[in-house]
Amino acid sequence: ATGVAWIELFPEGDDECHHWIEYLDATNPSGSPRQITLTEQTIREKLPENKRKRKLKLKVFSCGGGEHEVADFSRLTSKEGKIKLPDGRAGFRSSKLGFSQMDGSKPTQVVLGSCQKPGRLLLSIRIYHGQSLDGMEFFYEDGGSDLFGKRGGAPGGSEFVLDTRRGEMLLGFYLRAGVWIDGVQVLTSTGRRSAVFGNAMGGSGHTLIPPRGYSIAGVYGSSGPWVDGFGLIITR
């Protein structure tokens, strides 16, 4: 929300920052961009010739003091991060929160009904949680549902209902996360927010919302005894 201040570039072998891209405008503090589009080519051109082919880590800093690390930029933008959705569109996996290292942790993924064939209208999301996120289930108007993770935690979970008559849609999530996913809050297109289900004080805070021009196609990650990896699948 405060805009992007600068991005630090760390080609493999650089422990300190020697290369960066700055967006701060001293004459207009409120003028830092909220969204930036970068290609691998434009980033690598900022590096000396002898470092351009190395594995590249990015650190993105906001004007509000927040930071986000992309451990391997090439991997994030590679074919590995791209999937074909059931309706034929391309989906892209975001950076993932959580370490996905719990005993028995397995990959899990849900493509939302809006990107399935035929399309299905999302009515509500049920969050399963105790002091961490066990899973979430997406319920549709046709009576079906898709489960991400497990139905664990408190019996019955906590349900958040969308006001579909007003055209309310899923906008994104606010998560509390560290090694695993401690808690989750649902954000909607009308500005509504659910409670933070799980441990509202655990880990650190992260907001996952698709960039302008994109929408949520699904969620992916991993689940062991509870959810230990979470990211968005986005599409145009």
Protein backbone atom coordinates (compact mmCIF):
# COMPACT_ATOMS: atom_id res chain seq x y z
CA ALA A 1 0.00 0.00 0.00
CA THR A 2 2.92 2.41 0.62
CA GLY A 3 4.54 1.73 -2.78
CA VAL A 4 7.82 0.12 -3.83
CA ALA A 5 10.91 1.95 -2.54
CA TRP A 6 13.71 -0.07 -4.16
CA ILE A 7 14.74 -3.56 -5.29
CA GLU A 8 18.10 -5.06 -4.34
CA LEU A 9 19.76 -7.52 -6.77
CA PHE A 10 21.94 -10.34 -5.45
CA PRO A 11 23.64 -12.45 -8.17
CA GLU A 12 24.99 -15.68 -6.65
CA GLY A 13 28.21 -14.97 -4.76
CA ASP A 14 27.18 -11.44 -3.66
CA ASP A 15 26.43 -11.42 0.09
CA GLU A 16 26.13 -7.63 0.22
CA CYS A 17 24.03 -5.47 -2.09
CA HIS A 18 26.10 -3.89 -4.89
CA HIS A 19 23.27 -3.51 -7.44
CA TRP A 20 19.78 -2.09 -7.02
CA ILE A 21 16.87 -0.34 -8.78
CA GLU A 22 15.44 2.67 -6.92
CA TYR A 23 11.89 3.99 -7.20
CA LEU A 24 11.86 6.54 -4.36
CA ASP A 25 11.08 10.08 -5.47
CA ALA A 26 12.35 12.59 -2.87
CA THR A 27 10.25 15.37 -4.41
CA ASN A 28 7.07 13.28 -4.21
CA PRO A 29 7.05 10.86 -1.24
CA SER A 30 3.58 9.59 -2.15
CA GLY A 31 4.65 8.95 -5.74
CA SER A 32 6.35 5.55 -5.34
CA PRO A 33 4.72 2.98 -7.66
CA ARG A 34 2.34 0.42 -6.17
CA GLN A 35 3.01 -2.03 -9.00
CA ILE A 36 6.08 -2.66 -11.16
CA THR A 37 6.52 -4.99 -14.13
CA LEU A 38 10.02 -6.40 -14.58
CA THR A 39 11.45 -8.83 -17.13
CA GLU A 40 14.47 -10.99 -16.47
CA GLN A 41 16.30 -9.23 -19.32
CA THR A 42 15.81 -5.72 -17.86
CA ILE A 43 17.01 -6.88 -14.45
CA ARG A 44 20.10 -8.71 -15.76
CA GLU A 45 21.08 -5.66 -17.84
CA LYS A 46 21.58 -3.81 -14.52
CA LEU A 47 24.38 -6.25 -13.63
CA PRO A 48 28.00 -6.33 -14.81
CA GLU A 49 28.64 -8.66 -17.77
CA ASN A 50 30.42 -11.28 -15.60
CA LYS A 51 27.42 -11.64 -13.24
CA ARG A 52 24.53 -11.72 -15.72
CA LYS A 53 24.28 -15.50 -16.03
CA ARG A 54 24.34 -16.27 -12.31
CA LYS A 55 21.36 -17.38 -10.20
CA LEU A 56 19.63 -14.17 -9.06
CA LYS A 57 17.98 -13.31 -5.74
CA LEU A 58 15.81 -10.18 -5.39
CA LYS A 59 14.78 -8.27 -2.28
CA VAL A 60 11.85 -5.88 -2.73
CA PHE A 61 11.42 -3.09 -0.14
CA SER A 62 8.29 -1.00 0.43
CA CYS A 63 8.20 2.63 1.58
CA GLY A 64 6.48 1.37 4.75
CA GLY A 65 9.49 -0.76 5.73
CA GLY A 66 8.18 -4.11 4.47
CA GLU A 67 10.36 -6.47 2.45
CA HIS A 68 9.88 -9.56 0.31
CA GLU A 69 12.55 -11.94 -0.96
CA VAL A 70 12.47 -13.86 -4.24
CA ALA A 71 15.13 -16.55 -3.74
CA ASP A 72 15.45 -17.50 -7.44
CA PHE A 73 13.96 -15.08 -9.97
CA SER A 74 14.55 -17.40 -12.97
CA ARG A 75 12.68 -20.22 -11.25
CA LEU A 76 9.72 -17.94 -10.45
CA THR A 77 9.37 -16.94 -14.12
CA SER A 78 10.19 -20.38 -15.61
CA LYS A 79 7.82 -22.99 -17.08
CA GLU A 80 7.85 -24.64 -13.64
CA GLY A 81 5.70 -21.75 -12.36
CA LYS A 82 3.19 -21.92 -15.22
CA ILE A 83 0.16 -24.22 -15.49
CA LYS A 84 -2.63 -24.69 -18.04
CA LEU A 85 -6.03 -24.10 -16.44
CA PRO A 86 -9.06 -26.30 -17.29
CA ASP A 87 -10.67 -23.42 -19.24
CA GLY A 88 -7.57 -23.17 -21.48
CA ARG A 89 -6.02 -20.04 -19.96
CA ALA A 90 -2.49 -19.91 -18.58
CA GLY A 91 -2.07 -19.80 -14.79
CA PHE A 92 1.02 -18.54 -12.97
CA ARG A 93 2.20 -19.56 -9.49
CA SER A 94 3.17 -16.73 -7.13
CA SER A 95 6.04 -16.86 -4.65
CA LYS A 96 5.16 -19.29 -1.84
CA LEU A 97 4.95 -18.62 1.90
CA GLY A 98 6.00 -21.32 4.39
CA PHE A 99 8.95 -23.72 4.20
CA SER A 100 7.08 -26.92 3.11
CA GLN A 101 9.38 -28.99 5.37
CA MET A 102 7.07 -30.67 7.90
CA ASP A 103 7.09 -34.47 8.25
CA GLY A 104 4.83 -35.98 5.60
CA SER A 105 4.38 -32.66 3.80
CA LYS A 106 2.85 -33.15 0.33
CA PRO A 107 2.04 -30.69 -2.48
CA THR A 108 -1.61 -29.64 -2.68
CA GLN A 109 -3.44 -27.42 -5.17
CA VAL A 110 -6.97 -26.21 -5.94
CA VAL A 111 -8.08 -24.53 -9.19
CA LEU A 112 -11.16 -22.41 -8.39
CA GLY A 113 -14.51 -23.06 -10.06
CA SER A 114 -14.35 -19.81 -12.07
CA CYS A 115 -11.47 -21.37 -14.08
CA GLN A 116 -13.03 -24.84 -14.42
CA LYS A 117 -15.22 -26.15 -17.24
CA PRO A 118 -18.08 -25.49 -16.91
CA GLY A 119 -17.51 -22.42 -14.69
CA ARG A 120 -18.80 -22.69 -11.10
CA LEU A 121 -19.75 -19.72 -8.90
CA LEU A 122 -17.93 -19.56 -5.53
CA LEU A 123 -20.40 -19.06 -2.67
CA SER A 124 -18.32 -19.50 0.49
CA ILE A 125 -14.96 -20.53 1.93
CA ARG A 126 -14.65 -22.68 5.04
CA ILE A 127 -11.37 -22.35 6.96
CA TYR A 128 -10.21 -25.33 9.07
CA HIS A 129 -7.90 -24.21 11.86
CA GLY A 130 -6.75 -24.50 15.45
CA GLN A 131 -3.66 -22.44 16.25
CA SER A 132 -2.55 -22.83 12.63
CA LEU A 133 -4.17 -23.35 9.20
CA ASP A 134 -5.25 -26.96 8.60
CA GLY A 135 -7.03 -26.36 5.31
CA MET A 136 -9.67 -24.43 3.41
CA GLU A 137 -12.66 -25.66 1.41
CA PHE A 138 -14.27 -23.74 -1.45
CA PHE A 139 -18.06 -24.26 -1.84
CA TYR A 140 -19.92 -23.65 -5.13
CA GLU A 141 -23.51 -23.00 -6.22
CA ASP A 142 -23.76 -26.49 -7.76
CA GLY A 143 -23.38 -28.02 -4.26
CA GLY A 144 -19.81 -29.23 -4.87
CA SER A 145 -16.61 -28.17 -3.15
CA ASP A 146 -12.81 -28.28 -3.50
CA LEU A 147 -10.56 -28.97 -0.49
CA PHE A 148 -7.07 -27.47 -0.02
CA GLY A 149 -5.14 -29.15 2.81
CA LYS A 150 -7.14 -31.05 5.48
CA ARG A 151 -10.38 -30.78 7.45
CA GLY A 152 -8.55 -30.54 10.81
CA GLY A 153 -8.57 -28.19 13.80
CA ALA A 154 -11.82 -27.12 15.49
CA PRO A 155 -14.84 -29.24 14.41
CA GLY A 156 -16.75 -27.76 11.45
CA GLY A 157 -14.25 -24.99 10.76
CA SER A 158 -15.19 -21.31 10.27
CA GLU A 159 -17.28 -20.30 7.25
CA PHE A 160 -17.03 -17.00 5.35
CA VAL A 161 -19.95 -16.41 2.95
CA LEU A 162 -19.61 -14.17 -0.14
CA ASP A 163 -22.45 -11.80 -1.05
CA THR A 164 -22.78 -13.06 -4.62
CA ARG A 165 -25.97 -11.03 -5.20
CA ARG A 166 -23.80 -7.90 -4.93
CA GLY A 167 -21.18 -9.49 -7.18
CA GLU A 168 -18.73 -9.92 -4.27
CA MET A 169 -15.71 -12.01 -5.27
CA LEU A 170 -12.55 -13.36 -3.67
CA LEU A 171 -9.82 -10.68 -3.96
CA GLY A 172 -6.97 -12.28 -1.99
CA PHE A 173 -5.72 -13.32 1.42
CA TYR A 174 -3.86 -11.83 4.37
CA LEU A 175 -1.69 -14.52 5.98
CA ARG A 176 0.31 -14.94 9.16
CA ALA A 177 3.20 -17.18 8.16
CA GLY A 178 6.72 -18.25 9.07
CA VAL A 179 7.88 -21.87 8.83
CA TRP A 180 4.22 -22.84 8.28
CA ILE A 181 0.91 -20.97 7.84
CA ASP A 182 -0.30 -19.72 11.22
CA GLY A 183 -3.48 -17.93 10.17
CA VAL A 184 -5.46 -16.63 7.21
CA GLN A 185 -7.92 -13.80 6.51
CA VAL A 186 -10.15 -13.66 3.41
CA LEU A 187 -10.20 -10.35 1.46
CA THR A 188 -13.04 -9.57 -0.97
CA SER A 189 -13.64 -7.28 -3.95
CA THR A 190 -16.05 -5.10 -1.89
CA GLY A 191 -13.40 -4.33 0.74
CA ARG A 192 -14.75 -6.79 3.33
CA ARG A 193 -12.35 -8.88 5.44
CA SER A 194 -13.03 -12.00 7.44
CA ALA A 195 -11.58 -12.55 10.91
CA VAL A 196 -8.01 -13.94 10.98
CA PHE A 197 -8.66 -17.68 11.36
CA GLY A 198 -5.88 -19.52 13.24
CA ASN A 199 -3.14 -17.74 15.19
CA ALA A 200 -3.52 -14.01 14.42
CA MET A 201 -0.18 -13.27 16.17
CA GLY A 202 1.91 -16.10 14.68
CA GLY A 203 4.67 -15.65 12.10
CA SER A 204 4.69 -12.34 10.21
CA GLY A 205 2.02 -10.67 8.06
CA HIS A 206 1.79 -11.08 4.28
CA THR A 207 -0.89 -9.84 1.85
CA LEU A 208 -1.44 -11.90 -1.30
CA ILE A 209 -3.46 -10.03 -3.95
CA PRO A 210 -3.01 -10.50 -7.74
CA PRO A 211 -1.55 -7.57 -9.71
CA ARG A 212 -3.91 -5.26 -11.65
CA GLY A 213 -5.31 -7.07 -14.68
CA TYR A 214 -5.07 -10.50 -13.02
CA SER A 215 -7.44 -12.54 -10.84
CA ILE A 216 -7.11 -15.54 -8.52
CA ALA A 217 -7.35 -18.82 -10.42
CA GLY A 218 -6.55 -21.00 -7.41
CA VAL A 219 -4.23 -21.71 -4.50
CA TYR A 220 -1.28 -24.08 -4.22
CA GLY A 221 1.22 -25.12 -1.58
CA SER A 222 1.81 -28.05 0.73
CA SER A 223 0.23 -29.74 3.71
CA GLY A 224 1.68 -31.97 6.42
CA PRO A 225 0.06 -32.19 9.87
CA TRP A 226 -1.18 -28.70 8.91
CA VAL A 227 -0.59 -26.30 5.96
CA ASP A 228 3.13 -25.46 5.63
CA GLY A 229 3.16 -23.84 2.17
CA PHE A 230 0.76 -21.39 0.49
CA GLY A 231 0.74 -19.31 -2.69
CA LEU A 232 -1.69 -18.03 -5.31
CA ILE A 233 -2.30 -19.21 -8.86
CA ILE A 234 -3.17 -16.11 -10.90
CA THR A 235 -4.49 -15.61 -14.42
CA ARG A 236 -5.39 -12.78 -16.82
